[in-house]
Amino acid sequence: MHDTTWFEIQGIPSVFLASTEFVDAASAQAEMLGLPEVARVFVPHPIQDATDAEMQQKAEAAFDAVLGALID
């Protein structure tokens, strides 16, 4: 979240991407960093134990949301 907010403050469109395990933490950090509206996209948890094929599915499923968040 720190990097995402830093890029946004610099005027570079950014999206925070994490697994659903971190929804609450991301909201709290965005608020504490002064940018509560920073764009976020969450993929299904877990990530660490996911196979390459599962990660590819997660990435493909999130692609439109990430692109949409960058365009908005």
Protein backbone atom coordinates (compact mmCIF):
# COMPACT_ATOMS: atom_id res chain seq x y z
CA MET A 1 0.00 0.00 0.00
CA HIS A 2 2.89 2.36 0.71
CA ASP A 3 4.19 2.09 -2.86
CA THR A 4 0.73 2.49 -4.36
CA THR A 5 0.02 5.66 -2.40
CA TRP A 6 3.49 7.03 -3.18
CA PHE A 7 2.92 6.58 -6.93
CA GLU A 8 -0.55 8.13 -6.69
CA ILE A 9 0.83 11.17 -4.84
CA GLN A 10 3.41 11.52 -7.64
CA GLY A 11 0.55 11.58 -10.17
CA ILE A 12 1.21 8.08 -11.48
CA PRO A 13 -1.99 6.01 -11.64
CA SER A 14 -1.60 2.91 -9.49
CA VAL A 15 -3.59 -0.01 -8.18
CA PHE A 16 -2.99 -1.94 -4.97
CA LEU A 17 -3.27 -5.67 -5.70
CA ALA A 18 -3.46 -8.29 -2.96
CA SER A 19 -5.41 -11.35 -1.88
CA THR A 20 -8.75 -11.12 -0.13
CA GLU A 21 -7.04 -11.87 3.18
CA PHE A 22 -5.83 -8.24 3.21
CA VAL A 23 -9.03 -6.29 2.51
CA ASP A 24 -9.33 -4.83 6.02
CA ALA A 25 -5.60 -4.16 6.37
CA ALA A 26 -5.52 -2.38 3.00
CA SER A 27 -8.41 -0.13 3.99
CA ALA A 28 -6.77 0.73 7.30
CA GLN A 29 -3.40 1.46 5.71
CA ALA A 30 -4.90 3.57 2.92
CA GLU A 31 -6.72 5.62 5.54
CA MET A 32 -3.59 6.02 7.68
CA LEU A 33 -1.55 7.05 4.62
CA GLY A 34 -4.07 9.76 3.81
CA LEU A 35 -5.38 8.28 0.59
CA PRO A 36 -8.47 6.25 1.53
CA GLU A 37 -9.77 6.26 -2.05
CA VAL A 38 -6.68 4.59 -3.55
CA ALA A 39 -7.69 1.90 -6.06
CA ARG A 40 -7.58 -1.71 -4.84
CA VAL A 41 -8.16 -5.05 -6.50
CA PHE A 42 -8.27 -8.28 -4.54
CA VAL A 43 -7.80 -11.81 -5.81
CA PRO A 44 -8.91 -14.97 -4.03
CA HIS A 45 -6.74 -16.11 -1.14
CA PRO A 46 -4.36 -17.97 -0.85
CA ILE A 47 -1.48 -16.91 -3.06
CA GLN A 48 1.54 -18.59 -1.50
CA ASP A 49 0.43 -22.17 -2.18
CA ALA A 50 -1.17 -21.51 -5.57
CA THR A 51 0.19 -23.35 -8.59
CA ASP A 52 1.36 -21.46 -11.66
CA ALA A 53 -1.91 -22.38 -13.40
CA GLU A 54 -3.96 -21.11 -10.44
CA MET A 55 -1.99 -17.87 -10.39
CA GLN A 56 -2.59 -17.42 -14.10
CA GLN A 57 -6.33 -17.89 -13.52
CA LYS A 58 -6.28 -15.33 -10.71
CA ALA A 59 -4.37 -12.85 -12.86
CA GLU A 60 -6.71 -13.29 -15.81
CA ALA A 61 -9.76 -12.89 -13.57
CA ALA A 62 -8.35 -9.68 -12.06
CA PHE A 63 -7.05 -8.12 -15.29
CA ASP A 64 -10.20 -6.19 -16.22
CA ALA A 65 -10.59 -4.84 -12.68
CA VAL A 66 -6.96 -3.65 -12.59
CA LEU A 67 -7.23 -2.05 -16.01
CA GLY A 68 -10.54 -0.43 -15.07
CA ALA A 69 -9.06 0.96 -11.86
CA LEU A 70 -6.17 2.50 -13.79
CA ILE A 71 -8.48 4.10 -16.33
CA ASP A 72 -10.89 5.58 -13.76
